[in-house]
Amino acid sequence: MTPFTQPWQARGIPARTLCRLLLILFTFLTPVTLYHILPQCFENDYFAFRSFARFVQLHPPGMIYDYPLLQKFQGTSTVTFPYFYQPQMLLLVWPLAHLPYVPGYAFWMLPGMTICAIVLWFAERNVLAVIAVLVGPSTLLIWINGQSSMVQAGLMFGGFLLLPRRPALAGVLFGLMIYKPQLAVLVPVALLASRQWRTIAVACITAALFLSASAAAFGVGVWTSWWHHLPTIGTTIAWKTVELSRVMATITANLLMFGATPTQAHIVQAVSTLTMVTLVWRCFRERVCMLGAALVGAGTFLATPFAFGYDLAVFNLAVIITASERWRRGGSFSFLEIVILVLGFLLPWCVISPVMFRNSSVVVCAVVCVILRRIDAVRHQAPAPVPEVVGSPVTA
């Protein structure tokens, strides 16, 4: 057999060597890059989140949707940071107004990394997988942008990890994902397909309490203002999708980069979304497993039209779990699978090149195919040992 046809054993020397080389590279590259670039990233998304928190300290919260006033308050000249989130996001950002800039930055970033590391450890018991999520390309991109996508990734995969034994707690995690709902579009499909009624009920209650808490903390007027400005917010999001398509990891953005009209891009996006809904539904009708969670995480970027490069933390976690699952079962990779998974791991790095990043959906599609192929392969195998979650089991 040639190296291109011979299987790579997941626990074999070639696969382990490649994995370690990648991790050594990013263990060095990530902190060095952050050391040189992060001090220059003053006007990034963290700056925006902190400005939102400080704005509602000094103004009626409902006025945060008054973009000219918000822009004047932010005092930025080269970039713009409109607030087009729902009011519940203010609950997450309000502590930033009470912290100095640098400690606040750490406070904003570290919880997401911690959650993802804990989830990966309990899901896979693989030290290399934990290191990969701590130093990988998506982590580097998130720190530079000052975003919170790792929290969303941790909530999604933590929910699926807890789902078989702690359905109520899983519902709490899924319900909290409402702060960034575009990255949770496939979660309800998975829960409905697997008939997780308790989890669905708890998720709905958690989401309702989250929304109610924002009204209690900032007043009902902020929701009235959001509803009043909703048409403008929708227009802004549509404009951002076109203007920032070069740094977005969706089919809509990629097609716009290739010169498609918005209508053409939306039609293809709708077909892609329906396809992913069907695939997730079929997967979760049979069983709930972390490979299914990886399908949801990776497929999200084929189902949503609005996701940025820094949101690929969700996708990277799916890639890491897919590779780690093979290691846990003592399986093997084909050479093509190795190439696809490495490209998937490196995908957030490609955001520095619009020429490369406009093909991001091709890589996402390839990773989804690898996951589907693996799900089909393990369907008739004995279940792999699932790490215990602390506490006594609770059935759904």
Protein backbone atom coordinates (compact mmCIF):
# COMPACT_ATOMS: atom_id res chain seq x y z
CA MET A 1 0.00 0.00 0.00
CA THR A 2 1.09 3.59 -0.67
CA PRO A 3 0.91 6.25 2.09
CA PHE A 4 -2.17 7.61 0.30
CA THR A 5 -4.13 4.37 0.60
CA GLN A 6 -2.74 2.84 3.80
CA PRO A 7 -4.88 3.53 6.88
CA TRP A 8 -3.42 5.73 9.61
CA GLN A 9 -4.05 4.07 12.96
CA ALA A 10 -5.38 6.69 15.37
CA ARG A 11 -3.00 5.42 18.06
CA GLY A 12 -0.22 4.82 15.55
CA ILE A 13 3.04 6.74 15.32
CA PRO A 14 2.26 8.75 12.12
CA ALA A 15 -1.09 10.07 13.43
CA ARG A 16 0.28 10.84 16.89
CA THR A 17 3.34 12.55 15.41
CA LEU A 18 1.21 14.76 13.15
CA CYS A 19 -1.07 15.69 16.05
CA ARG A 20 1.85 16.55 18.33
CA LEU A 21 3.58 18.62 15.66
CA LEU A 22 0.42 20.68 15.14
CA LEU A 23 0.00 21.20 18.86
CA ILE A 24 3.66 22.13 19.36
CA LEU A 25 3.36 24.64 16.50
CA PHE A 26 0.31 26.37 17.97
CA THR A 27 1.52 26.12 21.56
CA PHE A 28 4.35 28.37 20.40
CA LEU A 29 2.50 30.37 17.74
CA THR A 30 -0.63 31.31 19.70
CA PRO A 31 1.00 33.04 22.71
CA VAL A 32 3.68 34.69 20.55
CA THR A 33 1.08 36.05 18.13
CA LEU A 34 -1.12 37.28 20.97
CA TYR A 35 1.85 38.97 22.64
CA HIS A 36 2.58 40.98 19.49
CA ILE A 37 -0.94 41.60 18.16
CA LEU A 38 -3.24 41.84 21.19
CA PRO A 39 -1.91 45.23 22.43
CA GLN A 40 -2.88 46.66 19.03
CA CYS A 41 -6.43 45.28 19.15
CA PHE A 42 -7.97 48.10 21.14
CA GLU A 43 -11.01 48.70 18.94
CA ASN A 44 -12.18 45.10 18.70
CA ASP A 45 -15.35 43.32 19.78
CA TYR A 46 -14.35 43.31 23.44
CA PHE A 47 -14.11 47.08 23.25
CA ALA A 48 -17.64 47.07 21.83
CA PHE A 49 -19.04 44.79 24.55
CA ARG A 50 -17.44 46.92 27.25
CA SER A 51 -18.82 50.08 25.66
CA PHE A 52 -22.32 48.53 25.66
CA ALA A 53 -22.03 47.84 29.39
CA ARG A 54 -20.77 51.35 30.15
CA PHE A 55 -23.45 52.90 27.93
CA VAL A 56 -26.36 51.35 29.87
CA GLN A 57 -24.75 52.60 33.08
CA LEU A 58 -25.05 56.20 31.92
CA HIS A 59 -28.12 56.12 29.64
CA PRO A 60 -31.56 54.51 29.64
CA PRO A 61 -30.89 50.95 28.38
CA GLY A 62 -33.43 51.25 25.57
CA MET A 63 -31.34 54.00 23.97
CA ILE A 64 -28.59 51.49 23.14
CA TYR A 65 -30.40 50.85 19.84
CA ASP A 66 -29.98 54.53 18.94
CA TYR A 67 -26.89 53.94 16.84
CA PRO A 68 -25.76 57.57 16.29
CA LEU A 69 -25.88 58.14 20.05
CA LEU A 70 -24.04 54.88 20.74
CA GLN A 71 -21.40 55.66 18.13
CA LYS A 72 -20.83 59.10 19.64
CA PHE A 73 -20.47 57.50 23.07
CA GLN A 74 -17.95 54.94 21.76
CA GLY A 75 -15.90 57.67 20.11
CA THR A 76 -14.53 55.37 17.40
CA SER A 77 -13.35 56.76 14.10
CA THR A 78 -12.23 53.79 12.01
CA VAL A 79 -14.74 51.05 12.95
CA THR A 80 -18.41 50.94 13.95
CA PHE A 81 -20.03 48.81 16.65
CA PRO A 82 -23.84 48.95 16.49
CA TYR A 83 -25.74 46.97 19.10
CA PHE A 84 -27.94 44.56 17.17
CA TYR A 85 -28.15 41.87 19.86
CA GLN A 86 -31.27 41.09 21.82
CA PRO A 87 -31.43 42.71 25.29
CA GLN A 88 -30.39 39.54 27.15
CA MET A 89 -26.81 40.03 25.91
CA LEU A 90 -26.60 43.01 28.28
CA LEU A 91 -26.79 40.59 31.22
CA LEU A 92 -23.57 38.95 30.06
CA VAL A 93 -21.62 42.13 29.36
CA TRP A 94 -22.67 44.34 32.30
CA PRO A 95 -19.80 43.17 34.62
CA LEU A 96 -17.29 44.54 32.09
CA ALA A 97 -18.29 48.10 33.00
CA HIS A 98 -17.00 47.52 36.54
CA LEU A 99 -13.59 46.09 35.60
CA PRO A 100 -10.41 47.74 34.30
CA TYR A 101 -9.80 47.08 30.62
CA VAL A 102 -7.12 44.35 30.83
CA PRO A 103 -8.57 42.33 33.77
CA GLY A 104 -11.96 42.64 32.12
CA TYR A 105 -10.52 41.20 28.91
CA ALA A 106 -9.28 38.14 30.80
CA PHE A 107 -12.60 37.87 32.65
CA TRP A 108 -14.42 37.92 29.30
CA MET A 109 -12.20 35.32 27.59
CA LEU A 110 -11.11 32.75 30.17
CA PRO A 111 -14.53 31.26 31.18
CA GLY A 112 -15.20 30.07 27.63
CA MET A 113 -11.81 28.38 27.36
CA THR A 114 -12.33 26.74 30.76
CA ILE A 115 -15.78 25.43 29.88
CA CYS A 116 -14.55 23.96 26.58
CA ALA A 117 -11.56 22.31 28.26
CA ILE A 118 -13.76 20.75 30.94
CA VAL A 119 -16.28 19.50 28.39
CA LEU A 120 -13.57 17.95 26.23
CA TRP A 121 -11.94 16.26 29.19
CA PHE A 122 -15.16 14.63 30.38
CA ALA A 123 -16.21 13.76 26.82
CA GLU A 124 -12.94 12.27 25.57
CA ARG A 125 -10.46 11.94 28.46
CA ASN A 126 -7.79 13.04 26.00
CA VAL A 127 -5.12 15.51 27.14
CA LEU A 128 -4.11 16.31 23.54
CA ALA A 129 -7.72 17.24 22.72
CA VAL A 130 -7.81 19.65 25.67
CA ILE A 131 -4.53 21.23 24.59
CA ALA A 132 -5.86 21.54 21.03
CA VAL A 133 -8.85 23.59 22.14
CA LEU A 134 -6.70 25.82 24.38
CA VAL A 135 -4.08 26.74 21.77
CA GLY A 136 -5.80 26.05 18.44
CA PRO A 137 -6.41 28.55 15.63
CA SER A 138 -9.96 29.32 16.73
CA THR A 139 -8.70 30.26 20.21
CA LEU A 140 -6.13 32.59 18.69
CA LEU A 141 -8.77 34.25 16.52
CA ILE A 142 -11.19 34.65 19.44
CA TRP A 143 -8.59 36.32 21.64
CA ILE A 144 -7.65 38.75 18.88
CA ASN A 145 -11.31 39.64 18.27
CA GLY A 146 -12.36 39.66 21.94
CA GLN A 147 -15.37 37.45 21.25
CA SER A 148 -17.38 35.02 23.40
CA SER A 149 -17.86 32.14 20.95
CA MET A 150 -16.07 29.60 23.15
CA VAL A 151 -18.81 29.99 25.74
CA GLN A 152 -21.36 29.07 23.06
CA ALA A 153 -19.24 26.06 22.03
CA GLY A 154 -18.95 24.91 25.63
CA LEU A 155 -22.70 25.26 26.22
CA MET A 156 -23.54 23.29 23.06
CA PHE A 157 -21.17 20.37 23.57
CA GLY A 158 -21.62 20.41 27.35
CA GLY A 159 -25.35 20.06 26.79
CA PHE A 160 -24.93 17.08 24.49
CA LEU A 161 -22.44 15.48 26.91
CA LEU A 162 -24.93 15.75 29.77
CA LEU A 163 -27.99 14.84 27.69
CA PRO A 164 -28.04 11.03 28.29
CA ARG A 165 -27.58 11.27 32.09
CA ARG A 166 -28.53 14.82 33.08
CA PRO A 167 -31.31 15.89 30.69
CA ALA A 168 -32.49 18.74 32.92
CA LEU A 169 -29.01 20.23 33.32
CA ALA A 170 -28.45 19.81 29.58
CA GLY A 171 -31.62 21.82 29.05
CA VAL A 172 -30.22 24.65 31.18
CA LEU A 173 -27.09 24.81 29.01
CA PHE A 174 -29.10 24.72 25.78
CA GLY A 175 -31.45 27.40 27.07
CA LEU A 176 -28.53 29.74 27.79
CA MET A 177 -27.46 29.49 24.15
CA ILE A 178 -30.23 31.94 23.29
CA TYR A 179 -27.77 34.80 23.77
CA LYS A 180 -26.35 33.88 20.34
CA PRO A 181 -29.23 31.97 18.71
CA GLN A 182 -27.75 31.82 15.19
CA LEU A 183 -25.25 29.23 16.46
CA ALA A 184 -27.99 27.09 18.02
CA VAL A 185 -30.23 26.62 14.98
CA LEU A 186 -29.73 22.83 14.81
CA VAL A 187 -29.98 22.12 18.54
CA PRO A 188 -33.83 22.12 18.62
CA VAL A 189 -33.82 19.76 15.62
CA ALA A 190 -31.58 17.30 17.48
CA LEU A 191 -33.67 17.47 20.66
CA LEU A 192 -36.98 17.02 18.85
CA ALA A 193 -35.64 14.13 16.78
CA SER A 194 -34.36 12.32 19.89
CA ARG A 195 -37.60 13.06 21.80
CA GLN A 196 -35.83 14.79 24.68
CA TRP A 197 -39.01 16.32 26.04
CA ARG A 198 -37.66 17.07 29.52
CA THR A 199 -34.60 18.78 28.06
CA ILE A 200 -36.76 20.81 25.68
CA ALA A 201 -39.03 21.93 28.52
CA VAL A 202 -36.11 22.95 30.74
CA ALA A 203 -34.40 24.73 27.83
CA CYS A 204 -37.56 26.74 27.12
CA ILE A 205 -37.96 27.64 30.82
CA THR A 206 -34.28 28.63 31.06
CA ALA A 207 -34.53 30.80 27.95
CA ALA A 208 -37.72 32.44 29.27
CA LEU A 209 -36.07 33.16 32.64
CA PHE A 210 -33.01 34.56 30.85
CA LEU A 211 -35.19 36.92 28.82
CA SER A 212 -37.25 37.87 31.89
CA ALA A 213 -34.10 38.59 33.87
CA SER A 214 -32.98 41.07 31.21
CA ALA A 215 -36.34 42.85 31.46
CA ALA A 216 -36.10 42.90 35.26
CA ALA A 217 -32.53 44.21 35.22
CA PHE A 218 -32.84 46.81 32.46
CA GLY A 219 -36.57 47.47 32.27
CA VAL A 220 -39.26 46.41 29.85
CA GLY A 221 -38.46 49.50 27.82
CA VAL A 222 -35.30 47.92 26.43
CA TRP A 223 -37.43 45.18 24.84
CA THR A 224 -39.87 47.75 23.50
CA SER A 225 -36.94 49.64 21.99
CA TRP A 226 -35.56 46.43 20.48
CA TRP A 227 -38.91 45.67 18.86
CA HIS A 228 -39.16 49.23 17.54
CA HIS A 229 -35.68 49.07 16.01
CA LEU A 230 -36.03 45.49 14.72
CA PRO A 231 -36.45 46.50 11.03
CA THR A 232 -33.29 48.62 11.26
CA ILE A 233 -31.44 45.79 13.01
CA GLY A 234 -32.48 43.38 10.25
CA THR A 235 -31.26 45.80 7.60
CA THR A 236 -27.97 46.26 9.47
CA ILE A 237 -27.42 42.50 9.72
CA ALA A 238 -28.13 42.07 5.99
CA TRP A 239 -25.67 44.87 5.23
CA LYS A 240 -23.05 43.34 7.54
CA THR A 241 -23.46 40.00 5.79
CA VAL A 242 -22.50 41.62 2.48
CA GLU A 243 -19.86 44.02 3.80
CA LEU A 244 -18.11 41.47 6.04
CA SER A 245 -18.63 38.35 3.91
CA ARG A 246 -14.84 38.03 3.56
CA VAL A 247 -14.58 37.08 7.27
CA MET A 248 -17.78 35.02 7.54
CA ALA A 249 -17.82 31.24 7.43
CA THR A 250 -21.18 30.52 5.81
CA ILE A 251 -22.45 29.48 2.41
CA THR A 252 -24.21 32.83 1.99
CA ALA A 253 -21.01 34.78 2.63
CA ASN A 254 -18.89 32.51 0.41
CA LEU A 255 -21.30 32.83 -2.51
CA LEU A 256 -21.40 36.61 -2.14
CA MET A 257 -17.61 36.60 -2.26
CA PHE A 258 -17.78 34.67 -5.54
CA GLY A 259 -20.12 37.30 -7.02
CA ALA A 260 -23.53 35.68 -6.48
CA THR A 261 -26.50 37.97 -5.93
CA PRO A 262 -28.09 38.02 -2.45
CA THR A 263 -31.16 36.23 -3.85
CA GLN A 264 -29.06 33.43 -5.34
CA ALA A 265 -27.08 33.10 -2.13
CA HIS A 266 -30.26 32.92 -0.01
CA ILE A 267 -31.74 30.18 -2.22
CA VAL A 268 -28.62 28.01 -1.93
CA GLN A 269 -28.47 28.76 1.80
CA ALA A 270 -32.07 27.61 2.24
CA VAL A 271 -31.31 24.32 0.47
CA SER A 272 -28.21 23.82 2.62
CA THR A 273 -30.14 24.56 5.80
CA LEU A 274 -32.89 22.08 4.94
CA THR A 275 -30.27 19.46 4.09
CA MET A 276 -28.56 19.85 7.46
CA VAL A 277 -31.91 19.76 9.28
CA THR A 278 -32.66 16.45 7.54
CA LEU A 279 -29.23 14.96 8.30
CA VAL A 280 -29.34 15.97 11.98
CA TRP A 281 -32.90 14.67 12.30
CA ARG A 282 -31.94 11.27 10.84
CA CYS A 283 -28.87 11.05 13.07
CA PHE A 284 -30.68 11.84 16.31
CA ARG A 285 -33.67 9.64 15.56
CA GLU A 286 -31.41 6.67 16.21
CA ARG A 287 -29.09 7.64 19.07
CA VAL A 288 -27.55 10.53 20.96
CA CYS A 289 -23.75 10.59 21.01
CA MET A 290 -20.89 13.06 20.86
CA LEU A 291 -20.42 12.34 17.15
CA GLY A 292 -23.98 13.56 16.71
CA ALA A 293 -23.03 16.66 18.66
CA ALA A 294 -20.05 17.12 16.31
CA LEU A 295 -22.47 16.90 13.37
CA VAL A 296 -24.60 19.66 14.93
CA GLY A 297 -21.54 21.82 15.63
CA ALA A 298 -20.01 21.48 12.17
CA GLY A 299 -23.36 21.55 10.35
CA THR A 300 -24.28 24.83 12.02
CA PHE A 301 -22.00 26.62 9.54
CA LEU A 302 -23.96 25.12 6.66
CA ALA A 303 -27.31 25.92 8.28
CA THR A 304 -26.88 29.52 9.43
CA PRO A 305 -26.27 32.46 7.08
CA PHE A 306 -24.65 34.60 9.77
CA ALA A 307 -21.48 33.32 11.47
CA PHE A 308 -18.06 34.93 11.60
CA GLY A 309 -14.62 33.35 11.54
CA TYR A 310 -14.32 33.66 15.32
CA ASP A 311 -17.51 31.60 15.69
CA LEU A 312 -15.56 28.63 14.30
CA ALA A 313 -14.74 27.71 17.90
CA VAL A 314 -17.90 25.59 17.65
CA PHE A 315 -16.65 24.03 14.41
CA ASN A 316 -13.14 23.42 15.81
CA LEU A 317 -14.58 21.61 18.81
CA ALA A 318 -16.50 19.37 16.41
CA VAL A 319 -13.28 18.58 14.50
CA ILE A 320 -11.37 17.80 17.71
CA ILE A 321 -14.15 15.55 19.03
CA THR A 322 -14.34 13.70 15.70
CA ALA A 323 -10.61 12.99 15.73
CA SER A 324 -10.53 12.16 19.45
CA GLU A 325 -13.46 9.74 19.14
CA ARG A 326 -11.48 7.73 16.61
CA TRP A 327 -8.52 7.63 19.01
CA ARG A 328 -10.77 6.52 21.89
CA ARG A 329 -12.13 3.64 19.85
CA GLY A 330 -8.71 2.64 18.52
CA GLY A 331 -9.83 3.17 14.92
CA SER A 332 -7.97 4.42 11.87
CA PHE A 333 -8.05 7.33 9.41
CA SER A 334 -7.74 7.31 5.68
CA PHE A 335 -5.22 9.76 4.25
CA LEU A 336 -8.07 11.88 2.85
CA GLU A 337 -9.72 12.05 6.29
CA ILE A 338 -6.42 13.21 7.79
CA VAL A 339 -6.19 16.01 5.21
CA ILE A 340 -9.81 17.08 5.79
CA LEU A 341 -9.52 17.12 9.59
CA VAL A 342 -6.24 19.06 9.48
CA LEU A 343 -7.81 21.60 7.11
CA GLY A 344 -10.81 21.83 9.43
CA PHE A 345 -8.56 22.44 12.42
CA LEU A 346 -6.65 25.15 10.53
CA LEU A 347 -9.74 26.78 8.97
CA PRO A 348 -9.98 29.74 11.43
CA TRP A 349 -6.41 30.63 10.51
CA CYS A 350 -7.46 31.08 6.88
CA VAL A 351 -9.50 34.16 7.78
CA ILE A 352 -6.30 36.18 7.20
CA SER A 353 -6.68 35.41 3.48
CA PRO A 354 -10.05 36.30 1.88
CA VAL A 355 -9.07 34.24 -1.18
CA MET A 356 -8.75 31.13 0.99
CA PHE A 357 -11.58 31.87 3.39
CA ARG A 358 -14.20 32.27 0.69
CA ASN A 359 -13.82 28.49 0.20
CA SER A 360 -14.49 27.77 3.88
CA SER A 361 -17.82 26.08 3.16
CA VAL A 362 -16.03 23.47 1.07
CA VAL A 363 -13.95 22.50 4.10
CA VAL A 364 -17.03 22.51 6.33
CA CYS A 365 -18.87 20.23 3.88
CA ALA A 366 -15.90 17.85 3.80
CA VAL A 367 -15.76 17.68 7.62
CA VAL A 368 -19.52 17.04 7.78
CA CYS A 369 -19.06 14.15 5.32
CA VAL A 370 -16.29 12.68 7.50
CA ILE A 371 -18.55 12.89 10.56
CA LEU A 372 -21.51 11.31 8.73
CA ARG A 373 -19.29 8.51 7.44
CA ARG A 374 -18.03 7.85 10.95
CA ILE A 375 -21.54 7.89 12.43
CA ASP A 376 -22.57 5.30 9.85
CA ALA A 377 -19.50 3.19 10.68
CA VAL A 378 -20.14 3.09 14.43
CA ARG A 379 -23.88 2.60 14.09
CA HIS A 380 -23.53 -1.18 14.10
CA GLN A 381 -20.62 -1.34 16.54
CA ALA A 382 -20.77 -1.80 20.28
CA PRO A 383 -20.98 1.57 22.03
CA ALA A 384 -17.65 3.02 23.09
CA PRO A 385 -17.14 3.54 26.81
CA VAL A 386 -18.64 6.86 27.85
CA PRO A 387 -16.80 8.74 30.63
CA GLU A 388 -18.81 8.96 33.80
CA VAL A 389 -20.26 12.32 34.81
CA VAL A 390 -20.03 12.96 38.51
CA GLY A 391 -23.22 11.94 40.31
CA SER A 392 -25.82 9.22 40.01
CA PRO A 393 -27.42 8.60 36.63
CA VAL A 394 -30.77 10.17 35.85
CA THR A 395 -32.72 8.82 32.95
CA ALA A 396 -34.58 10.97 30.45
